Amino acid sequence: MDQKIPHTLLAKHFVNQTSVEESEEVRRWRAQSPENEKLYQEYLHEWEIAHADFSRFVLPDSDKMWGNILSRINEPVKTILYTKKKLYKAIAVAASIALLVGLSFSVWLSAYYRSDGNYLAAEAVFIVPSGQKSQLILPDGTKVWMNSDSKLTYPVDFSKKRRLVKLEGEAYFDVVHDENNKFIVNTGTVNVLVHGTSFSVTDYPTDSFISVALEKGSVSVETSREHDLLTRLVPGQKLLIAKSDISWNVSAFDAEAYNIWMLNKLQFKGESLYDVFRKIERWYGVKIRLENENPSYSYWFTLKTESLTEMLNLINQITPIDYKINGEEVTIRYK
């Protein structure tokens, strides 16, 4: 069996977002061995179970409908000022659309007003809660996979002249190429500038570091305030930036393993106790309270469709623990 499983390609393939070349790559991988085909069918089955609601949104017809919705939202912004009454109506329509297509994230419009009460600017805000993952398609066709507990904001006048999004959390971007217009991801601390490429950005408020991992194409990363260039990445490189002093380093990474969350899998390879439980909190939408801890513990395991209880029992096999689940709070004590 081919040991290098194309996790990112499979995730894109399952939601009908692969190019002709990428679809052919998936086909070749499946044909390499019976084991690969069996693994493909297992992943597909797990995907269909885990993304039953999500898949309704990313089917081609839903994509087309969402694109039409976004284009209709964009049109009046270019020609008129919204009054508060009209903007509230737009928010109500957006909420109805979200329910109609079964989105696994929240969506609304936020607005700023002039002194005369008229609309000055508005933003579309997408929030994926803890324990969920989702995808959206921006007005320019760029596809975004969003991980748990993440928020993406962009102006409703998002256009080919200004492709700017703000990210809080983690997302994988497959950006539509535009040689004359950069696509910018702003995290508050840094800007990631691209023309057309595939990459992921991680910046949770509680994290000490920001990471930018490039799969294809090229990106430049600069500070958001001074616009000082930090570095330019090539495929296979990951940038890690310390929020405290903006120090940074670049290292190689395995894109398929790094983006395995897109296949609804959570993988740990020698990660610390703190990192493991921080990610598990987002994955299951719970709050974990440790009564004691051992900073020397490291973990190697992969979660697929395991329940919270099954995951805790797995950790208990690795490092014995007592645990108690009370609603959305989990108390853990090491033995």
Protein backbone atom coordinates (compact mmCIF):
# COMPACT_ATOMS: atom_id res chain seq x y z
CA MET A 1 0.00 0.00 0.00
CA ASP A 2 1.17 3.52 -0.75
CA GLN A 3 2.18 4.86 2.67
CA LYS A 4 1.68 8.50 1.68
CA ILE A 5 -2.06 8.99 1.92
CA PRO A 6 -3.23 12.16 0.08
CA HIS A 7 -5.43 13.43 2.92
CA THR A 8 -5.84 16.97 1.59
CA LEU A 9 -6.71 15.78 -1.91
CA LEU A 10 -9.21 13.27 -0.54
CA ALA A 11 -10.94 15.97 1.50
CA LYS A 12 -11.24 18.19 -1.57
CA HIS A 13 -12.34 15.20 -3.67
CA PHE A 14 -15.14 14.26 -1.27
CA VAL A 15 -16.68 17.74 -1.62
CA ASN A 16 -16.23 17.90 -5.42
CA GLN A 17 -13.60 20.64 -5.27
CA THR A 18 -10.66 18.97 -7.06
CA SER A 19 -9.31 20.10 -10.42
CA VAL A 20 -9.12 17.65 -13.35
CA GLU A 21 -5.46 16.99 -12.54
CA GLU A 22 -6.16 16.46 -8.83
CA SER A 23 -9.06 14.08 -9.58
CA GLU A 24 -6.71 12.07 -11.79
CA GLU A 25 -4.15 11.97 -8.97
CA VAL A 26 -6.80 10.55 -6.62
CA ARG A 27 -7.80 7.99 -9.26
CA ARG A 28 -4.18 6.87 -9.72
CA TRP A 29 -3.67 6.54 -5.96
CA ARG A 30 -6.81 4.40 -5.64
CA ALA A 31 -5.66 2.16 -8.52
CA GLN A 32 -2.19 1.56 -7.05
CA SER A 33 -3.37 -1.24 -4.78
CA PRO A 34 -6.49 -2.93 -3.36
CA GLU A 35 -5.43 -1.62 0.05
CA ASN A 36 -5.59 1.97 -1.21
CA GLU A 37 -9.06 1.41 -2.65
CA LYS A 38 -10.22 -0.15 0.62
CA LEU A 39 -8.83 2.80 2.57
CA TYR A 40 -10.55 5.20 0.17
CA GLN A 41 -13.92 3.54 0.74
CA GLU A 42 -13.39 3.60 4.53
CA TYR A 43 -12.54 7.33 4.43
CA LEU A 44 -15.53 8.01 2.19
CA HIS A 45 -17.86 6.17 4.54
CA GLU A 46 -16.51 8.05 7.59
CA TRP A 47 -16.78 11.33 5.69
CA GLU A 48 -20.42 10.73 4.75
CA ILE A 49 -21.32 9.96 8.36
CA ALA A 50 -19.38 12.87 9.86
CA HIS A 51 -20.46 15.42 7.25
CA ALA A 52 -24.09 14.50 6.61
CA ASP A 53 -25.27 18.10 7.10
CA PHE A 54 -22.08 19.67 5.78
CA SER A 55 -22.30 17.84 2.46
CA ARG A 56 -25.63 19.45 1.65
CA PHE A 57 -23.91 22.79 1.56
CA VAL A 58 -20.92 21.84 -0.57
CA LEU A 59 -22.74 19.93 -3.30
CA PRO A 60 -22.47 21.72 -6.67
CA ASP A 61 -26.06 23.03 -6.64
CA SER A 62 -25.58 24.47 -3.16
CA ASP A 63 -22.27 26.01 -4.23
CA LYS A 64 -24.02 27.71 -7.14
CA MET A 65 -26.84 28.89 -4.91
CA TRP A 66 -24.41 30.29 -2.33
CA GLY A 67 -22.43 32.04 -5.07
CA ASN A 68 -25.62 33.61 -6.37
CA ILE A 69 -26.57 34.69 -2.85
CA LEU A 70 -23.22 36.35 -2.30
CA SER A 71 -23.32 38.11 -5.65
CA ARG A 72 -26.78 39.46 -4.86
CA ILE A 73 -25.57 40.68 -1.49
CA ASN A 74 -22.64 42.39 -3.20
CA GLU A 75 -24.60 44.22 -5.89
CA PRO A 76 -26.49 46.82 -3.82
CA VAL A 77 -23.46 47.61 -1.69
CA LYS A 78 -21.77 49.09 -4.73
CA THR A 79 -24.64 51.45 -5.58
CA ILE A 80 -26.58 52.53 -2.49
CA LEU A 81 -26.27 53.33 1.19
CA TYR A 82 -28.22 50.99 3.45
CA THR A 83 -30.41 52.45 6.15
CA LYS A 84 -30.51 50.56 9.44
CA LYS A 85 -33.94 49.19 8.55
CA LYS A 86 -32.71 47.79 5.23
CA LEU A 87 -29.58 46.34 6.79
CA TYR A 88 -31.58 44.56 9.48
CA LYS A 89 -33.68 43.04 6.70
CA ALA A 90 -30.49 41.86 4.95
CA ILE A 91 -29.34 40.22 8.18
CA ALA A 92 -32.68 38.41 8.49
CA VAL A 93 -32.38 37.15 4.89
CA ALA A 94 -28.82 35.91 5.52
CA ALA A 95 -29.99 34.03 8.62
CA SER A 96 -32.83 32.40 6.66
CA ILE A 97 -30.39 31.34 3.93
CA ALA A 98 -28.08 29.79 6.53
CA LEU A 99 -30.94 27.64 7.83
CA LEU A 100 -32.11 26.77 4.31
CA VAL A 101 -28.81 25.28 3.15
CA GLY A 102 -28.03 23.65 6.49
CA LEU A 103 -24.76 25.44 7.17
CA SER A 104 -22.66 24.08 10.02
CA PHE A 105 -21.53 27.56 10.93
CA SER A 106 -23.15 30.84 11.95
CA VAL A 107 -23.37 33.74 9.50
CA TRP A 108 -24.39 37.34 9.95
CA LEU A 109 -23.65 40.84 8.79
CA SER A 110 -22.09 43.49 11.02
CA ALA A 111 -22.28 47.15 10.05
CA TYR A 112 -20.83 50.58 10.71
CA TYR A 113 -22.86 53.77 10.39
CA ARG A 114 -22.29 57.40 9.54
CA SER A 115 -23.61 60.17 11.76
CA ASP A 116 -26.73 60.44 9.57
CA GLY A 117 -27.59 56.81 10.37
CA ASN A 118 -26.83 55.46 6.90
CA TYR A 119 -24.71 52.40 6.19
CA LEU A 120 -20.99 53.07 5.80
CA ALA A 121 -19.49 49.58 5.72
CA ALA A 122 -20.61 46.03 6.37
CA GLU A 123 -18.91 42.70 6.88
CA ALA A 124 -19.98 39.09 6.49
CA VAL A 125 -18.96 37.01 9.49
CA PHE A 126 -18.76 33.21 9.49
CA ILE A 127 -18.24 31.35 12.76
CA VAL A 128 -17.60 27.62 13.12
CA PRO A 129 -18.27 26.55 16.73
CA SER A 130 -16.14 24.15 18.76
CA GLY A 131 -16.71 20.56 17.75
CA GLN A 132 -17.59 21.48 14.14
CA LYS A 133 -15.79 21.99 10.82
CA SER A 134 -17.10 23.57 7.65
CA GLN A 135 -16.37 25.06 4.24
CA LEU A 136 -17.41 28.19 2.41
CA ILE A 137 -16.85 29.67 -1.02
CA LEU A 138 -15.94 33.35 -1.27
CA PRO A 139 -17.36 35.62 -4.01
CA ASP A 140 -14.19 35.25 -6.13
CA GLY A 141 -14.47 31.44 -6.05
CA THR A 142 -11.80 30.91 -3.39
CA LYS A 143 -12.59 27.86 -1.24
CA VAL A 144 -12.02 27.92 2.51
CA TRP A 145 -12.05 24.93 4.86
CA MET A 146 -12.57 26.12 8.45
CA ASN A 147 -11.58 24.15 11.53
CA SER A 148 -13.32 24.12 14.91
CA ASP A 149 -13.75 27.34 16.89
CA SER A 150 -12.81 29.60 13.96
CA LYS A 151 -14.13 32.88 12.58
CA LEU A 152 -13.71 34.41 9.12
CA THR A 153 -14.71 38.00 8.32
CA TYR A 154 -14.71 39.81 4.99
CA PRO A 155 -16.36 42.95 3.59
CA VAL A 156 -19.60 42.40 1.70
CA ASP A 157 -18.11 44.53 -1.07
CA PHE A 158 -15.40 41.86 -1.42
CA SER A 159 -14.36 42.16 -5.04
CA LYS A 160 -11.54 41.59 -7.48
CA LYS A 161 -10.13 44.96 -6.46
CA ARG A 162 -9.84 44.08 -2.77
CA ARG A 163 -9.60 40.48 -1.64
CA LEU A 164 -9.11 40.78 2.12
CA VAL A 165 -10.30 38.38 4.84
CA LYS A 166 -9.72 38.35 8.59
CA LEU A 167 -9.14 35.04 10.32
CA GLU A 168 -9.35 33.96 13.93
CA GLY A 169 -8.69 30.24 14.37
CA GLU A 170 -7.58 27.81 11.67
CA ALA A 171 -8.44 27.59 7.99
CA TYR A 172 -7.14 26.04 4.78
CA PHE A 173 -7.39 28.28 1.70
CA ASP A 174 -7.50 27.24 -1.96
CA VAL A 175 -7.20 30.68 -3.55
CA VAL A 176 -8.35 31.49 -7.08
CA HIS A 177 -5.41 32.80 -9.09
CA ASP A 178 -5.39 36.52 -9.91
CA GLU A 179 -2.05 37.89 -11.07
CA ASN A 180 -3.15 41.50 -10.64
CA ASN A 181 -4.82 41.29 -7.27
CA LYS A 182 -3.37 39.80 -4.08
CA PHE A 183 -5.49 37.76 -1.72
CA ILE A 184 -4.75 38.84 1.87
CA VAL A 185 -5.41 36.93 5.09
CA ASN A 186 -5.16 39.20 8.13
CA THR A 187 -4.82 37.63 11.59
CA GLY A 188 -4.45 40.90 13.45
CA THR A 189 -0.71 40.35 13.91
CA VAL A 190 0.37 39.45 10.38
CA ASN A 191 -0.83 39.59 6.79
CA VAL A 192 -0.44 36.60 4.47
CA LEU A 193 -0.28 37.79 0.84
CA VAL A 194 -0.95 35.46 -2.09
CA HIS A 195 -1.97 35.54 -5.77
CA GLY A 196 -3.28 32.01 -6.12
CA THR A 197 -2.18 29.08 -3.99
CA SER A 198 -3.11 26.52 -1.31
CA PHE A 199 -2.08 27.06 2.29
CA SER A 200 -3.30 27.01 5.87
CA VAL A 201 -3.19 29.63 8.61
CA THR A 202 -3.59 28.98 12.33
CA ASP A 203 -4.02 31.78 14.87
CA TYR A 204 -6.23 31.08 17.87
CA PRO A 205 -6.44 33.88 20.48
CA THR A 206 -5.22 31.56 23.23
CA ASP A 207 -2.20 30.35 21.23
CA SER A 208 1.28 31.84 21.69
CA PHE A 209 2.21 31.23 18.07
CA ILE A 210 0.84 31.85 14.58
CA SER A 211 1.54 29.28 11.88
CA VAL A 212 1.40 29.59 8.09
CA ALA A 213 1.90 26.33 6.17
CA LEU A 214 2.23 26.40 2.37
CA GLU A 215 1.18 23.43 0.25
CA LYS A 216 1.28 24.91 -3.27
CA GLY A 217 2.26 28.24 -4.88
CA SER A 218 3.94 30.94 -2.83
CA VAL A 219 3.01 33.36 -0.05
CA SER A 220 4.65 36.35 1.60
CA VAL A 221 4.10 37.14 5.27
CA GLU A 222 4.37 40.64 6.71
CA THR A 223 3.46 42.39 9.95
CA SER A 224 -0.04 43.83 9.73
CA ARG A 225 0.76 47.27 11.17
CA GLU A 226 4.21 48.20 9.87
CA HIS A 227 3.97 45.96 6.80
CA ASP A 228 7.50 44.72 7.43
CA LEU A 229 8.24 41.64 5.34
CA LEU A 230 9.05 38.61 7.49
CA THR A 231 9.66 35.99 4.83
CA ARG A 232 8.42 34.36 1.63
CA LEU A 233 7.53 30.68 1.74
CA VAL A 234 7.91 27.95 -0.88
CA PRO A 235 5.82 24.74 -0.98
CA GLY A 236 6.50 22.38 1.90
CA GLN A 237 7.52 25.13 4.32
CA LYS A 238 5.80 26.16 7.56
CA LEU A 239 6.33 29.52 9.25
CA LEU A 240 5.97 29.75 13.04
CA ILE A 241 5.68 33.25 14.52
CA ALA A 242 5.85 34.10 18.25
CA LYS A 243 3.16 36.63 19.11
CA SER A 244 5.19 38.06 21.99
CA ASP A 245 8.09 39.46 19.96
CA ILE A 246 7.32 38.51 16.30
CA SER A 247 10.38 36.25 16.21
CA TRP A 248 9.96 33.49 13.66
CA ASN A 249 11.42 30.37 12.11
CA VAL A 250 10.75 28.29 8.99
CA SER A 251 10.73 24.49 8.90
CA ALA A 252 9.64 21.68 6.58
CA PHE A 253 6.27 20.00 7.14
CA ASP A 254 4.15 17.16 5.77
CA ALA A 255 1.14 18.84 4.17
CA GLU A 256 -1.00 15.71 4.09
CA ALA A 257 -0.50 14.96 7.78
CA TYR A 258 -0.76 18.63 8.76
CA ASN A 259 -4.14 19.08 7.08
CA ILE A 260 -5.60 15.73 8.14
CA TRP A 261 -8.30 17.59 10.12
CA MET A 262 -9.98 18.28 6.76
CA LEU A 263 -10.84 14.56 6.73
CA ASN A 264 -12.39 14.85 10.18
CA LYS A 265 -9.34 13.30 11.83
CA LEU A 266 -7.23 14.64 14.69
CA GLN A 267 -3.66 13.39 14.82
CA PHE A 268 -0.99 13.78 17.50
CA LYS A 269 2.67 12.96 16.94
CA GLY A 270 4.63 13.47 20.12
CA GLU A 271 2.66 16.54 21.20
CA SER A 272 2.69 17.87 24.73
CA LEU A 273 -0.11 17.42 27.23
CA TYR A 274 -1.05 21.10 26.90
CA ASP A 275 -1.28 21.01 23.09
CA VAL A 276 -3.27 17.77 23.11
CA PHE A 277 -5.96 18.97 25.50
CA ARG A 278 -6.15 22.41 23.88
CA LYS A 279 -6.97 20.78 20.52
CA ILE A 280 -9.32 18.23 22.09
CA GLU A 281 -11.32 21.07 23.68
CA ARG A 282 -11.93 22.57 20.24
CA TRP A 283 -12.52 19.19 18.60
CA TYR A 284 -15.28 18.11 21.00
CA GLY A 285 -16.55 21.55 22.06
CA VAL A 286 -15.77 21.03 25.74
CA LYS A 287 -13.76 22.68 28.51
CA ILE A 288 -11.08 20.52 30.14
CA ARG A 289 -9.94 21.14 33.71
CA LEU A 290 -6.77 19.40 34.89
CA GLU A 291 -6.50 18.80 38.62
CA ASN A 292 -2.86 17.80 38.22
CA GLU A 293 -0.51 17.32 35.31
CA ASN A 294 2.85 16.04 34.15
CA PRO A 295 4.47 18.35 31.56
CA SER A 296 6.79 15.54 30.45
CA TYR A 297 3.94 13.51 28.91
CA SER A 298 3.80 13.28 25.11
CA TYR A 299 1.13 11.60 22.99
CA TRP A 300 0.98 9.71 19.70
CA PHE A 301 -2.51 8.76 18.51
CA THR A 302 -5.17 9.56 15.89
CA LEU A 303 -8.85 10.29 16.47
CA LYS A 304 -11.41 9.49 13.79
CA THR A 305 -15.02 9.06 14.87
CA GLU A 306 -14.36 8.33 18.54
CA SER A 307 -16.75 9.82 21.06
CA LEU A 308 -15.52 11.97 23.94
CA THR A 309 -15.72 9.01 26.31
CA GLU A 310 -13.86 6.73 23.89
CA MET A 311 -11.13 9.36 23.52
CA LEU A 312 -10.73 9.69 27.30
CA ASN A 313 -10.52 5.90 27.65
CA LEU A 314 -7.81 5.91 24.98
CA ILE A 315 -5.79 8.48 26.94
CA ASN A 316 -6.34 6.37 30.06
CA GLN A 317 -4.62 3.45 28.30
CA ILE A 318 -1.61 5.64 27.51
CA THR A 319 -1.35 7.55 30.81
CA PRO A 320 -3.79 6.34 33.53
CA ILE A 321 -6.33 9.00 34.50
CA ASP A 322 -9.59 9.48 36.35
CA TYR A 323 -12.12 11.67 34.58
CA LYS A 324 -15.59 13.08 35.11
CA ILE A 325 -17.85 14.52 32.41
CA ASN A 326 -20.33 17.15 33.56
CA GLY A 327 -22.15 18.61 30.56
CA GLU A 328 -19.53 20.48 28.53
CA GLU A 329 -16.88 20.36 31.27
CA VAL A 330 -14.42 17.51 31.70
CA THR A 331 -12.36 17.14 34.88
CA ILE A 332 -9.19 15.03 34.58
CA ARG A 333 -6.85 13.81 37.28
CA TYR A 334 -3.70 11.79 36.56
CA LYS A 335 -3.27 8.72 38.76
